[in-house]
Amino acid sequence: MITEIFGFLAVSSMVTMYALEKRSHIYVLGFAASCAAASLYAVLIHSWPFALVEGVWALVALRRWLQVRPPGQS
């Protein structure tokens, strides 16, 4: 039950952060974190293809955040 709630929150967060990405660079970082959480959920339920795809999305989003964040911010 707890695992399903975690998965629901991770995927809901992904959708929300993705929808808000154009408003601020912080939502891009939130999307990356949400993808990482969804990947962790997939590992917990032993869904390895989903875990791999979400892990890749997390890295892509993190790379995009590094490109869109304001200069001088880490």
Protein backbone atom coordinates (compact mmCIF):
# COMPACT_ATOMS: atom_id res chain seq x y z
CA MET A 1 0.00 0.00 0.00
CA ILE A 2 2.75 2.47 0.91
CA THR A 3 4.62 1.58 -2.29
CA GLU A 4 1.57 2.34 -4.42
CA ILE A 5 1.07 5.71 -2.71
CA PHE A 6 4.74 6.54 -3.30
CA GLY A 7 4.40 5.61 -6.97
CA PHE A 8 1.23 7.66 -7.34
CA LEU A 9 2.90 10.70 -5.76
CA ALA A 10 6.03 10.30 -7.90
CA VAL A 11 4.11 10.10 -11.17
CA SER A 12 1.68 12.88 -10.16
CA SER A 13 4.65 15.07 -9.34
CA MET A 14 6.23 14.29 -12.72
CA VAL A 15 3.09 15.41 -14.56
CA THR A 16 2.78 18.58 -12.47
CA MET A 17 6.44 19.55 -12.81
CA TYR A 18 6.38 18.87 -16.55
CA ALA A 19 3.33 21.11 -16.97
CA LEU A 20 5.04 23.93 -15.05
CA GLU A 21 8.54 23.66 -16.62
CA LYS A 22 8.17 26.80 -18.74
CA ARG A 23 7.45 28.95 -15.67
CA SER A 24 10.79 28.46 -13.92
CA HIS A 25 13.98 26.44 -14.09
CA ILE A 26 13.19 25.06 -10.64
CA TYR A 27 10.33 23.02 -12.13
CA VAL A 28 12.81 21.39 -14.51
CA LEU A 29 14.82 20.33 -11.46
CA GLY A 30 11.57 19.16 -9.82
CA PHE A 31 10.80 17.10 -12.90
CA ALA A 32 14.24 15.48 -12.70
CA ALA A 33 13.69 14.64 -9.03
CA SER A 34 10.22 13.27 -9.79
CA CYS A 35 11.63 11.06 -12.55
CA ALA A 36 14.24 9.75 -10.12
CA ALA A 37 11.47 9.00 -7.61
CA ALA A 38 9.46 7.19 -10.29
CA SER A 39 12.56 5.20 -11.18
CA LEU A 40 12.97 4.23 -7.53
CA TYR A 41 9.32 3.18 -7.43
CA ALA A 42 9.89 0.99 -10.49
CA VAL A 43 12.85 -0.66 -8.77
CA LEU A 44 10.71 -1.30 -5.69
CA ILE A 45 8.07 -3.08 -7.79
CA HIS A 46 10.72 -4.87 -9.90
CA SER A 47 9.74 -3.19 -13.16
CA TRP A 48 13.22 -2.92 -14.61
CA PRO A 49 12.38 -1.46 -18.05
CA PHE A 50 10.35 1.31 -16.41
CA ALA A 51 13.15 1.92 -13.88
CA LEU A 52 15.68 2.28 -16.69
CA VAL A 53 13.54 4.63 -18.77
CA GLU A 54 12.67 6.85 -15.81
CA GLY A 55 16.33 6.92 -14.76
CA VAL A 56 17.31 8.09 -18.23
CA TRP A 57 14.58 10.76 -18.13
CA ALA A 58 15.91 11.94 -14.77
CA LEU A 59 19.40 12.37 -16.26
CA VAL A 60 18.03 14.14 -19.36
CA ALA A 61 16.00 16.52 -17.19
CA LEU A 62 18.97 17.17 -14.91
CA ARG A 63 21.12 17.99 -17.93
CA ARG A 64 18.39 20.31 -19.24
CA TRP A 65 18.20 22.04 -15.82
CA LEU A 66 21.96 22.63 -15.94
CA GLN A 67 21.46 24.37 -19.29
CA VAL A 68 18.44 26.53 -18.37
CA ARG A 69 19.32 27.63 -14.84
CA PRO A 70 20.41 31.23 -14.41
CA PRO A 71 24.17 31.86 -14.67
CA GLY A 72 26.08 31.51 -11.42
CA GLN A 73 23.47 29.31 -9.76
CA SER A 74 24.26 25.77 -8.71
